[in-house]
Structure formats: C-alpha cells, structure tokens
Amino acid sequence: PGKEREEVGCIGPNDGGRGRIESVKGR
C-alpha cells in the first residue's frame, strides 16, 4: 500500500528464474 509495484522476478523457457529485486536474490 502506498508503494509502486515491483517486479520481483521472472522465469521463462530454458531459464532457472531470476530475481529482479536485489533484496530477494538468494532468498
């Protein structure tokens, strides 16, 4: 609430997934 929407991460074909926010990478 009151904050902008963030792209947390994504995953696609032949992709193991990638976090977009530094604070969530590794978690």
mmCIF file of all heavy atoms, coordinates in Angstrom:
data_MODEL
# 
_entry.id   MODEL 
# 
loop_
_atom_site.group_PDB 
_atom_site.id 
_atom_site.type_symbol 
_atom_site.label_atom_id 
_atom_site.label_alt_id 
_atom_site.label_comp_id 
_atom_site.label_asym_id 
_atom_site.label_entity_id 
_atom_site.label_seq_id 
_atom_site.pdbx_PDB_ins_code 
_atom_site.Cartn_x 
_atom_site.Cartn_y 
_atom_site.Cartn_z 
_atom_site.occupancy 
_atom_site.B_iso_or_equiv 
_atom_site.pdbx_formal_charge 
_atom_site.auth_seq_id 
_atom_site.auth_comp_id 
_atom_site.auth_asym_id 
_atom_site.auth_atom_id 
_atom_site.pdbx_PDB_model_num 
ATOM 1   N N   . PRO A 1 1  ? 0.821  -1.212  0.000   1.00 0.00 ? 1  PRO A N   1 
ATOM 2   C CA  . PRO A 1 1  ? 0.000  0.000   0.000   1.00 0.00 ? 1  PRO A CA  1 
ATOM 3   C C   . PRO A 1 1  ? 0.852  1.258   0.000   1.00 0.00 ? 1  PRO A C   1 
ATOM 4   O O   . PRO A 1 1  ? 1.785  1.393   0.793   1.00 0.00 ? 1  PRO A O   1 
ATOM 5   C CB  . PRO A 1 1  ? -0.812 -0.125  1.287   1.00 0.00 ? 1  PRO A CB  1 
ATOM 6   C CG  . PRO A 1 1  ? -0.887 -1.593  1.537   1.00 0.00 ? 1  PRO A CG  1 
ATOM 7   C CD  . PRO A 1 1  ? 0.441  -2.132  1.090   1.00 0.00 ? 1  PRO A CD  1 
ATOM 8   N N   . GLY A 1 2  ? 0.522  2.164   -0.901  1.00 0.00 ? 2  GLY A N   1 
ATOM 9   C CA  . GLY A 1 2  ? 1.245  3.413   -0.985  1.00 0.00 ? 2  GLY A CA  1 
ATOM 10  C C   . GLY A 1 2  ? 2.578  3.331   -1.689  1.00 0.00 ? 2  GLY A C   1 
ATOM 11  O O   . GLY A 1 2  ? 3.297  4.340   -1.757  1.00 0.00 ? 2  GLY A O   1 
ATOM 12  N N   . LYS A 1 3  ? 2.921  2.164   -2.200  1.00 0.00 ? 3  LYS A N   1 
ATOM 13  C CA  . LYS A 1 3  ? 4.185  1.990   -2.897  1.00 0.00 ? 3  LYS A CA  1 
ATOM 14  C C   . LYS A 1 3  ? 3.956  1.509   -4.316  1.00 0.00 ? 3  LYS A C   1 
ATOM 15  O O   . LYS A 1 3  ? 2.898  0.967   -4.647  1.00 0.00 ? 3  LYS A O   1 
ATOM 16  C CB  . LYS A 1 3  ? 5.082  1.004   -2.147  1.00 0.00 ? 3  LYS A CB  1 
ATOM 17  C CG  . LYS A 1 3  ? 5.481  1.466   -0.749  1.00 0.00 ? 3  LYS A CG  1 
ATOM 18  C CD  . LYS A 1 3  ? 6.435  0.494   -0.098  1.00 0.00 ? 3  LYS A CD  1 
ATOM 19  C CE  . LYS A 1 3  ? 6.852  0.970   1.273   1.00 0.00 ? 3  LYS A CE  1 
ATOM 20  N NZ  . LYS A 1 3  ? 7.798  0.016   1.921   1.00 0.00 ? 3  LYS A NZ  1 
ATOM 21  N N   . GLU A 1 4  ? 4.948  1.711   -5.147  1.00 0.00 ? 4  GLU A N   1 
ATOM 22  C CA  . GLU A 1 4  ? 4.854  1.293   -6.533  1.00 0.00 ? 4  GLU A CA  1 
ATOM 23  C C   . GLU A 1 4  ? 4.992  -0.215  -6.661  1.00 0.00 ? 4  GLU A C   1 
ATOM 24  O O   . GLU A 1 4  ? 5.626  -0.880  -5.841  1.00 0.00 ? 4  GLU A O   1 
ATOM 25  C CB  . GLU A 1 4  ? 5.931  1.987   -7.369  1.00 0.00 ? 4  GLU A CB  1 
ATOM 26  C CG  . GLU A 1 4  ? 5.785  3.499   -7.444  1.00 0.00 ? 4  GLU A CG  1 
ATOM 27  C CD  . GLU A 1 4  ? 6.835  4.134   -8.320  1.00 0.00 ? 4  GLU A CD  1 
ATOM 28  O OE1 . GLU A 1 4  ? 7.758  3.417   -8.766  1.00 0.00 ? 4  GLU A OE1 1 
ATOM 29  O OE2 . GLU A 1 4  ? 6.744  5.346   -8.570  1.00 0.00 ? 4  GLU A OE2 1 
ATOM 30  N N   . ARG A 1 5  ? 4.387  -0.741  -7.700  1.00 0.00 ? 5  ARG A N   1 
ATOM 31  C CA  . ARG A 1 5  ? 4.506  -2.155  -7.991  1.00 0.00 ? 5  ARG A CA  1 
ATOM 32  C C   . ARG A 1 5  ? 5.937  -2.494  -8.394  1.00 0.00 ? 5  ARG A C   1 
ATOM 33  O O   . ARG A 1 5  ? 6.571  -1.748  -9.146  1.00 0.00 ? 5  ARG A O   1 
ATOM 34  C CB  . ARG A 1 5  ? 3.540  -2.544  -9.111  1.00 0.00 ? 5  ARG A CB  1 
ATOM 35  C CG  . ARG A 1 5  ? 3.584  -4.011  -9.506  1.00 0.00 ? 5  ARG A CG  1 
ATOM 36  C CD  . ARG A 1 5  ? 2.474  -4.326  -10.484 1.00 0.00 ? 5  ARG A CD  1 
ATOM 37  N NE  . ARG A 1 5  ? 2.528  -3.465  -11.646 1.00 0.00 ? 5  ARG A NE  1 
ATOM 38  C CZ  . ARG A 1 5  ? 1.540  -3.326  -12.511 1.00 0.00 ? 5  ARG A CZ  1 
ATOM 39  N NH1 . ARG A 1 5  ? 0.401  -3.985  -12.324 1.00 0.00 ? 5  ARG A NH1 1 
ATOM 40  N NH2 . ARG A 1 5  ? 1.678  -2.514  -13.549 1.00 0.00 ? 5  ARG A NH2 1 
ATOM 41  N N   . GLU A 1 6  ? 6.421  -3.606  -7.888  1.00 0.00 ? 6  GLU A N   1 
ATOM 42  C CA  . GLU A 1 6  ? 7.770  -4.047  -8.169  1.00 0.00 ? 6  GLU A CA  1 
ATOM 43  C C   . GLU A 1 6  ? 7.761  -5.352  -8.954  1.00 0.00 ? 6  GLU A C   1 
ATOM 44  O O   . GLU A 1 6  ? 6.884  -6.192  -8.759  1.00 0.00 ? 6  GLU A O   1 
ATOM 45  C CB  . GLU A 1 6  ? 8.558  -4.265  -6.878  1.00 0.00 ? 6  GLU A CB  1 
ATOM 46  C CG  . GLU A 1 6  ? 8.767  -3.026  -6.031  1.00 0.00 ? 6  GLU A CG  1 
ATOM 47  C CD  . GLU A 1 6  ? 9.507  -3.342  -4.750  1.00 0.00 ? 6  GLU A CD  1 
ATOM 48  O OE1 . GLU A 1 6  ? 8.992  -4.160  -3.956  1.00 0.00 ? 6  GLU A OE1 1 
ATOM 49  O OE2 . GLU A 1 6  ? 10.609 -2.786  -4.548  1.00 0.00 ? 6  GLU A OE2 1 
ATOM 50  N N   . GLU A 1 7  ? 8.741  -5.495  -9.809  1.00 0.00 ? 7  GLU A N   1 
ATOM 51  C CA  . GLU A 1 7  ? 8.962  -6.758  -10.496 1.00 0.00 ? 7  GLU A CA  1 
ATOM 52  C C   . GLU A 1 7  ? 9.856  -7.608  -9.596  1.00 0.00 ? 7  GLU A C   1 
ATOM 53  O O   . GLU A 1 7  ? 11.037 -7.335  -9.453  1.00 0.00 ? 7  GLU A O   1 
ATOM 54  C CB  . GLU A 1 7  ? 9.620  -6.535  -11.849 1.00 0.00 ? 7  GLU A CB  1 
ATOM 55  C CG  . GLU A 1 7  ? 8.789  -5.681  -12.798 1.00 0.00 ? 7  GLU A CG  1 
ATOM 56  C CD  . GLU A 1 7  ? 9.493  -5.419  -14.107 1.00 0.00 ? 7  GLU A CD  1 
ATOM 57  O OE1 . GLU A 1 7  ? 10.384 -6.215  -14.478 1.00 0.00 ? 7  GLU A OE1 1 
ATOM 58  O OE2 . GLU A 1 7  ? 9.159  -4.420  -14.771 1.00 0.00 ? 7  GLU A OE2 1 
ATOM 59  N N   . VAL A 1 8  ? 9.271  -8.615  -8.999  1.00 0.00 ? 8  VAL A N   1 
ATOM 60  C CA  . VAL A 1 8  ? 10.009 -9.449  -8.060  1.00 0.00 ? 8  VAL A CA  1 
ATOM 61  C C   . VAL A 1 8  ? 10.998 -10.349 -8.786  1.00 0.00 ? 8  VAL A C   1 
ATOM 62  O O   . VAL A 1 8  ? 12.142 -10.502 -8.371  1.00 0.00 ? 8  VAL A O   1 
ATOM 63  C CB  . VAL A 1 8  ? 9.053  -10.287 -7.200  1.00 0.00 ? 8  VAL A CB  1 
ATOM 64  C CG1 . VAL A 1 8  ? 9.830  -11.173 -6.230  1.00 0.00 ? 8  VAL A CG1 1 
ATOM 65  C CG2 . VAL A 1 8  ? 8.099  -9.376  -6.450  1.00 0.00 ? 8  VAL A CG2 1 
ATOM 66  N N   . GLY A 1 9  ? 10.544 -10.960 -9.862  1.00 0.00 ? 9  GLY A N   1 
ATOM 67  C CA  . GLY A 1 9  ? 11.379 -11.860 -10.620 1.00 0.00 ? 9  GLY A CA  1 
ATOM 68  C C   . GLY A 1 9  ? 10.594 -12.496 -11.738 1.00 0.00 ? 9  GLY A C   1 
ATOM 69  O O   . GLY A 1 9  ? 9.405  -12.237 -11.920 1.00 0.00 ? 9  GLY A O   1 
ATOM 70  N N   . CYS A 1 10 ? 11.264 -13.343 -12.495 1.00 0.00 ? 10 CYS A N   1 
ATOM 71  C CA  . CYS A 1 10 ? 10.599 -13.982 -13.617 1.00 0.00 ? 10 CYS A CA  1 
ATOM 72  C C   . CYS A 1 10 ? 11.290 -15.285 -13.950 1.00 0.00 ? 10 CYS A C   1 
ATOM 73  O O   . CYS A 1 10 ? 12.407 -15.567 -13.497 1.00 0.00 ? 10 CYS A O   1 
ATOM 74  C CB  . CYS A 1 10 ? 10.560 -13.054 -14.837 1.00 0.00 ? 10 CYS A CB  1 
ATOM 75  S SG  . CYS A 1 10 ? 12.191 -12.544 -15.432 1.00 0.00 ? 10 CYS A SG  1 
ATOM 76  N N   . ILE A 1 11 ? 10.608 -16.072 -14.751 1.00 0.00 ? 11 ILE A N   1 
ATOM 77  C CA  . ILE A 1 11 ? 11.151 -17.335 -15.230 1.00 0.00 ? 11 ILE A CA  1 
ATOM 78  C C   . ILE A 1 11 ? 10.546 -17.610 -16.594 1.00 0.00 ? 11 ILE A C   1 
ATOM 79  O O   . ILE A 1 11 ? 9.377  -17.339 -16.841 1.00 0.00 ? 11 ILE A O   1 
ATOM 80  C CB  . ILE A 1 11 ? 10.869 -18.483 -14.241 1.00 0.00 ? 11 ILE A CB  1 
ATOM 81  C CG1 . ILE A 1 11 ? 11.541 -19.771 -14.692 1.00 0.00 ? 11 ILE A CG1 1 
ATOM 82  C CG2 . ILE A 1 11 ? 9.367  -18.672 -14.041 1.00 0.00 ? 11 ILE A CG2 1 
ATOM 83  C CD1 . ILE A 1 11 ? 11.486 -20.878 -13.655 1.00 0.00 ? 11 ILE A CD1 1 
ATOM 84  N N   . GLY A 1 12 ? 11.363 -18.137 -17.485 1.00 0.00 ? 12 GLY A N   1 
ATOM 85  C CA  . GLY A 1 12 ? 10.909 -18.445 -18.827 1.00 0.00 ? 12 GLY A CA  1 
ATOM 86  C C   . GLY A 1 12 ? 11.495 -19.747 -19.319 1.00 0.00 ? 12 GLY A C   1 
ATOM 87  O O   . GLY A 1 12 ? 12.170 -20.469 -18.567 1.00 0.00 ? 12 GLY A O   1 
ATOM 88  N N   . PRO A 1 13 ? 11.237 -20.072 -20.581 1.00 0.00 ? 13 PRO A N   1 
ATOM 89  C CA  . PRO A 1 13 ? 11.791 -21.299 -21.153 1.00 0.00 ? 13 PRO A CA  1 
ATOM 90  C C   . PRO A 1 13 ? 13.313 -21.330 -21.046 1.00 0.00 ? 13 PRO A C   1 
ATOM 91  O O   . PRO A 1 13 ? 13.980 -20.317 -21.277 1.00 0.00 ? 13 PRO A O   1 
ATOM 92  C CB  . PRO A 1 13 ? 11.340 -21.232 -22.611 1.00 0.00 ? 13 PRO A CB  1 
ATOM 93  C CG  . PRO A 1 13 ? 10.124 -20.362 -22.586 1.00 0.00 ? 13 PRO A CG  1 
ATOM 94  C CD  . PRO A 1 13 ? 10.399 -19.342 -21.526 1.00 0.00 ? 13 PRO A CD  1 
ATOM 95  N N   . ASN A 1 14 ? 13.824 -22.491 -20.690 1.00 0.00 ? 14 ASN A N   1 
ATOM 96  C CA  . ASN A 1 14 ? 15.276 -22.666 -20.556 1.00 0.00 ? 14 ASN A CA  1 
ATOM 97  C C   . ASN A 1 14 ? 15.876 -21.638 -19.598 1.00 0.00 ? 14 ASN A C   1 
ATOM 98  O O   . ASN A 1 14 ? 16.969 -21.114 -19.828 1.00 0.00 ? 14 ASN A O   1 
ATOM 99  C CB  . ASN A 1 14 ? 15.946 -22.577 -21.924 1.00 0.00 ? 14 ASN A CB  1 
ATOM 100 C CG  . ASN A 1 14 ? 15.393 -23.574 -22.907 1.00 0.00 ? 14 ASN A CG  1 
ATOM 101 O OD1 . ASN A 1 14 ? 15.244 -24.759 -22.588 1.00 0.00 ? 14 ASN A OD1 1 
ATOM 102 N ND2 . ASN A 1 14 ? 15.085 -23.112 -24.115 1.00 0.00 ? 14 ASN A ND2 1 
ATOM 103 N N   . ASP A 1 15 ? 15.174 -21.381 -18.541 1.00 0.00 ? 15 ASP A N   1 
ATOM 104 C CA  . ASP A 1 15 ? 15.560 -20.349 -17.602 1.00 0.00 ? 15 ASP A CA  1 
ATOM 105 C C   . ASP A 1 15 ? 15.302 -20.855 -16.190 1.00 0.00 ? 15 ASP A C   1 
ATOM 106 O O   . ASP A 1 15 ? 14.213 -21.354 -15.896 1.00 0.00 ? 15 ASP A O   1 
ATOM 107 C CB  . ASP A 1 15 ? 14.748 -19.080 -17.876 1.00 0.00 ? 15 ASP A CB  1 
ATOM 108 C CG  . ASP A 1 15 ? 15.237 -17.868 -17.108 1.00 0.00 ? 15 ASP A CG  1 
ATOM 109 O OD1 . ASP A 1 15 ? 15.919 -18.040 -16.079 1.00 0.00 ? 15 ASP A OD1 1 
ATOM 110 O OD2 . ASP A 1 15 ? 14.931 -16.739 -17.535 1.00 0.00 ? 15 ASP A OD2 1 
ATOM 111 N N   . GLY A 1 16 ? 16.287 -20.717 -15.340 1.00 0.00 ? 16 GLY A N   1 
ATOM 112 C CA  . GLY A 1 16 ? 16.141 -21.152 -13.967 1.00 0.00 ? 16 GLY A CA  1 
ATOM 113 C C   . GLY A 1 16 ? 15.488 -20.136 -13.063 1.00 0.00 ? 16 GLY A C   1 
ATOM 114 O O   . GLY A 1 16 ? 15.322 -20.387 -11.865 1.00 0.00 ? 16 GLY A O   1 
ATOM 115 N N   . GLY A 1 17 ? 15.128 -18.991 -13.624 1.00 0.00 ? 17 GLY A N   1 
ATOM 116 C CA  . GLY A 1 17 ? 14.500 -17.947 -12.847 1.00 0.00 ? 17 GLY A CA  1 
ATOM 117 C C   . GLY A 1 17 ? 15.505 -16.896 -12.414 1.00 0.00 ? 17 GLY A C   1 
ATOM 118 O O   . GLY A 1 17 ? 16.671 -17.193 -12.151 1.00 0.00 ? 17 GLY A O   1 
ATOM 119 N N   . ARG A 1 18 ? 15.037 -15.676 -12.317 1.00 0.00 ? 18 ARG A N   1 
ATOM 120 C CA  . ARG A 1 18 ? 15.902 -14.564 -11.946 1.00 0.00 ? 18 ARG A CA  1 
ATOM 121 C C   . ARG A 1 18 ? 15.129 -13.558 -11.114 1.00 0.00 ? 18 ARG A C   1 
ATOM 122 O O   . ARG A 1 18 ? 14.041 -13.129 -11.498 1.00 0.00 ? 18 ARG A O   1 
ATOM 123 C CB  . ARG A 1 18 ? 16.457 -13.883 -13.195 1.00 0.00 ? 18 ARG A CB  1 
ATOM 124 C CG  . ARG A 1 18 ? 17.330 -12.670 -12.910 1.00 0.00 ? 18 ARG A CG  1 
ATOM 125 C CD  . ARG A 1 18 ? 17.743 -11.973 -14.193 1.00 0.00 ? 18 ARG A CD  1 
ATOM 126 N NE  . ARG A 1 18 ? 18.605 -12.809 -14.993 1.00 0.00 ? 18 ARG A NE  1 
ATOM 127 C CZ  . ARG A 1 18 ? 19.930 -12.861 -14.869 1.00 0.00 ? 18 ARG A CZ  1 
ATOM 128 N NH1 . ARG A 1 18 ? 20.539 -12.108 -13.961 1.00 0.00 ? 18 ARG A NH1 1 
ATOM 129 N NH2 . ARG A 1 18 ? 20.633 -13.652 -15.654 1.00 0.00 ? 18 ARG A NH2 1 
ATOM 130 N N   . GLY A 1 19 ? 15.704 -13.191 -9.992  1.00 0.00 ? 19 GLY A N   1 
ATOM 131 C CA  . GLY A 1 19 ? 15.116 -12.150 -9.177  1.00 0.00 ? 19 GLY A CA  1 
ATOM 132 C C   . GLY A 1 19 ? 15.423 -10.781 -9.747  1.00 0.00 ? 19 GLY A C   1 
ATOM 133 O O   . GLY A 1 19 ? 16.509 -10.548 -10.267 1.00 0.00 ? 19 GLY A O   1 
ATOM 134 N N   . ARG A 1 20 ? 14.469 -9.884  -9.649  1.00 0.00 ? 20 ARG A N   1 
ATOM 135 C CA  . ARG A 1 20 ? 14.642 -8.528  -10.150 1.00 0.00 ? 20 ARG A CA  1 
ATOM 136 C C   . ARG A 1 20 ? 14.976 -7.529  -9.048  1.00 0.00 ? 20 ARG A C   1 
ATOM 137 O O   . ARG A 1 20 ? 15.485 -6.459  -9.338  1.00 0.00 ? 20 ARG A O   1 
ATOM 138 C CB  . ARG A 1 20 ? 13.376 -8.066  -10.881 1.00 0.00 ? 20 ARG A CB  1 
ATOM 139 C CG  . ARG A 1 20 ? 13.125 -8.768  -12.211 1.00 0.00 ? 20 ARG A CG  1 
ATOM 140 C CD  . ARG A 1 20 ? 14.182 -8.398  -13.232 1.00 0.00 ? 20 ARG A CD  1 
ATOM 141 N NE  . ARG A 1 20 ? 13.818 -8.826  -14.576 1.00 0.00 ? 20 ARG A NE  1 
ATOM 142 C CZ  . ARG A 1 20 ? 13.126 -8.102  -15.426 1.00 0.00 ? 20 ARG A CZ  1 
ATOM 143 N NH1 . ARG A 1 20 ? 12.715 -6.884  -15.083 1.00 0.00 ? 20 ARG A NH1 1 
ATOM 144 N NH2 . ARG A 1 20 ? 12.839 -8.578  -16.623 1.00 0.00 ? 20 ARG A NH2 1 
ATOM 145 N N   . ILE A 1 21 ? 14.671 -7.870  -7.831  1.00 0.00 ? 21 ILE A N   1 
ATOM 146 C CA  . ILE A 1 21 ? 14.953 -7.013  -6.690  1.00 0.00 ? 21 ILE A CA  1 
ATOM 147 C C   . ILE A 1 21 ? 16.163 -7.571  -5.956  1.00 0.00 ? 21 ILE A C   1 
ATOM 148 O O   . ILE A 1 21 ? 16.180 -8.737  -5.572  1.00 0.00 ? 21 ILE A O   1 
ATOM 149 C CB  . ILE A 1 21 ? 13.749 -6.924  -5.738  1.00 0.00 ? 21 ILE A CB  1 
ATOM 150 C CG1 . ILE A 1 21 ? 12.504 -6.460  -6.490  1.00 0.00 ? 21 ILE A CG1 1 
ATOM 151 C CG2 . ILE A 1 21 ? 14.043 -5.995  -4.579  1.00 0.00 ? 21 ILE A CG2 1 
ATOM 152 C CD1 . ILE A 1 21 ? 11.249 -6.473  -5.645  1.00 0.00 ? 21 ILE A CD1 1 
ATOM 153 N N   . GLU A 1 22 ? 17.148 -6.726  -5.749  1.00 0.00 ? 22 GLU A N   1 
ATOM 154 C CA  . GLU A 1 22 ? 18.381 -7.189  -5.139  1.00 0.00 ? 22 GLU A CA  1 
ATOM 155 C C   . GLU A 1 22 ? 18.141 -7.805  -3.770  1.00 0.00 ? 22 GLU A C   1 
ATOM 156 O O   . GLU A 1 22 ? 18.808 -8.775  -3.397  1.00 0.00 ? 22 GLU A O   1 
ATOM 157 C CB  . GLU A 1 22 ? 19.380 -6.045  -5.033  1.00 0.00 ? 22 GLU A CB  1 
ATOM 158 C CG  . GLU A 1 22 ? 19.927 -5.566  -6.363  1.00 0.00 ? 22 GLU A CG  1 
ATOM 159 C CD  . GLU A 1 22 ? 20.744 -6.637  -7.055  1.00 0.00 ? 22 GLU A CD  1 
ATOM 160 O OE1 . GLU A 1 22 ? 21.370 -7.457  -6.355  1.00 0.00 ? 22 GLU A OE1 1 
ATOM 161 O OE2 . GLU A 1 22 ? 20.765 -6.655  -8.302  1.00 0.00 ? 22 GLU A OE2 1 
ATOM 162 N N   . SER A 1 23 ? 17.190 -7.274  -3.025  1.00 0.00 ? 23 SER A N   1 
ATOM 163 C CA  . SER A 1 23 ? 16.965 -7.743  -1.676  1.00 0.00 ? 23 SER A CA  1 
ATOM 164 C C   . SER A 1 23 ? 16.405 -9.160  -1.607  1.00 0.00 ? 23 SER A C   1 
ATOM 165 O O   . SER A 1 23 ? 16.481 -9.798  -0.555  1.00 0.00 ? 23 SER A O   1 
ATOM 166 C CB  . SER A 1 23 ? 16.030 -6.784  -0.928  1.00 0.00 ? 23 SER A CB  1 
ATOM 167 O OG  . SER A 1 23 ? 14.751 -6.741  -1.532  1.00 0.00 ? 23 SER A OG  1 
ATOM 168 N N   . VAL A 1 24 ? 15.833 -9.665  -2.702  1.00 0.00 ? 24 VAL A N   1 
ATOM 169 C CA  . VAL A 1 24 ? 15.245 -11.005 -2.677  1.00 0.00 ? 24 VAL A CA  1 
ATOM 170 C C   . VAL A 1 24 ? 16.153 -12.052 -3.299  1.00 0.00 ? 24 VAL A C   1 
ATOM 171 O O   . VAL A 1 24 ? 15.896 -13.253 -3.149  1.00 0.00 ? 24 VAL A O   1 
ATOM 172 C CB  . VAL A 1 24 ? 13.870 -11.039 -3.383  1.00 0.00 ? 24 VAL A CB  1 
ATOM 173 C CG1 . VAL A 1 24 ? 12.987 -9.909  -2.884  1.00 0.00 ? 24 VAL A CG1 1 
ATOM 174 C CG2 . VAL A 1 24 ? 14.012 -10.989 -4.895  1.00 0.00 ? 24 VAL A CG2 1 
ATOM 175 N N   . LYS A 1 25 ? 17.170 -11.631 -3.993  1.00 0.00 ? 25 LYS A N   1 
ATOM 176 C CA  . LYS A 1 25 ? 18.076 -12.577 -4.623  1.00 0.00 ? 25 LYS A CA  1 
ATOM 177 C C   . LYS A 1 25 ? 18.764 -13.428 -3.555  1.00 0.00 ? 25 LYS A C   1 
ATOM 178 O O   . LYS A 1 25 ? 19.292 -12.921 -2.583  1.00 0.00 ? 25 LYS A O   1 
ATOM 179 C CB  . LYS A 1 25 ? 19.107 -11.844 -5.478  1.00 0.00 ? 25 LYS A CB  1 
ATOM 180 C CG  . LYS A 1 25 ? 18.510 -11.151 -6.685  1.00 0.00 ? 25 LYS A CG  1 
ATOM 181 C CD  . LYS A 1 25 ? 19.567 -10.436 -7.506  1.00 0.00 ? 25 LYS A CD  1 
ATOM 182 C CE  . LYS A 1 25 ? 18.954 -9.780  -8.727  1.00 0.00 ? 25 LYS A CE  1 
ATOM 183 N NZ  . LYS A 1 25 ? 19.971 -9.052  -9.528  1.00 0.00 ? 25 LYS A NZ  1 
ATOM 184 N N   . GLY A 1 26 ? 18.751 -14.725 -3.792  1.00 0.00 ? 26 GLY A N   1 
ATOM 185 C CA  . GLY A 1 26 ? 19.300 -15.652 -2.821  1.00 0.00 ? 26 GLY A CA  1 
ATOM 186 C C   . GLY A 1 26 ? 18.281 -16.131 -1.809  1.00 0.00 ? 26 GLY A C   1 
ATOM 187 O O   . GLY A 1 26 ? 18.528 -17.121 -1.114  1.00 0.00 ? 26 GLY A O   1 
ATOM 188 N N   . ARG A 1 27 ? 17.147 -15.453 -1.711  1.00 0.00 ? 27 ARG A N   1 
ATOM 189 C CA  . ARG A 1 27 ? 16.087 -15.845 -0.784  1.00 0.00 ? 27 ARG A CA  1 
ATOM 190 C C   . ARG A 1 27 ? 14.845 -16.358 -1.512  1.00 0.00 ? 27 ARG A C   1 
ATOM 191 O O   . ARG A 1 27 ? 14.145 -17.226 -0.994  1.00 0.00 ? 27 ARG A O   1 
ATOM 192 C CB  . ARG A 1 27 ? 15.682 -14.672 0.110   1.00 0.00 ? 27 ARG A CB  1 
ATOM 193 C CG  . ARG A 1 27 ? 16.811 -14.131 0.977   1.00 0.00 ? 27 ARG A CG  1 
ATOM 194 C CD  . ARG A 1 27 ? 16.293 -13.107 1.991   1.00 0.00 ? 27 ARG A CD  1 
ATOM 195 N NE  . ARG A 1 27 ? 15.725 -11.927 1.334   1.00 0.00 ? 27 ARG A NE  1 
ATOM 196 C CZ  . ARG A 1 27 ? 14.450 -11.562 1.417   1.00 0.00 ? 27 ARG A CZ  1 
ATOM 197 N NH1 . ARG A 1 27 ? 13.596 -12.285 2.131   1.00 0.00 ? 27 ARG A NH1 1 
ATOM 198 N NH2 . ARG A 1 27 ? 14.020 -10.469 0.807   1.00 0.00 ? 27 ARG A NH2 1 
# 
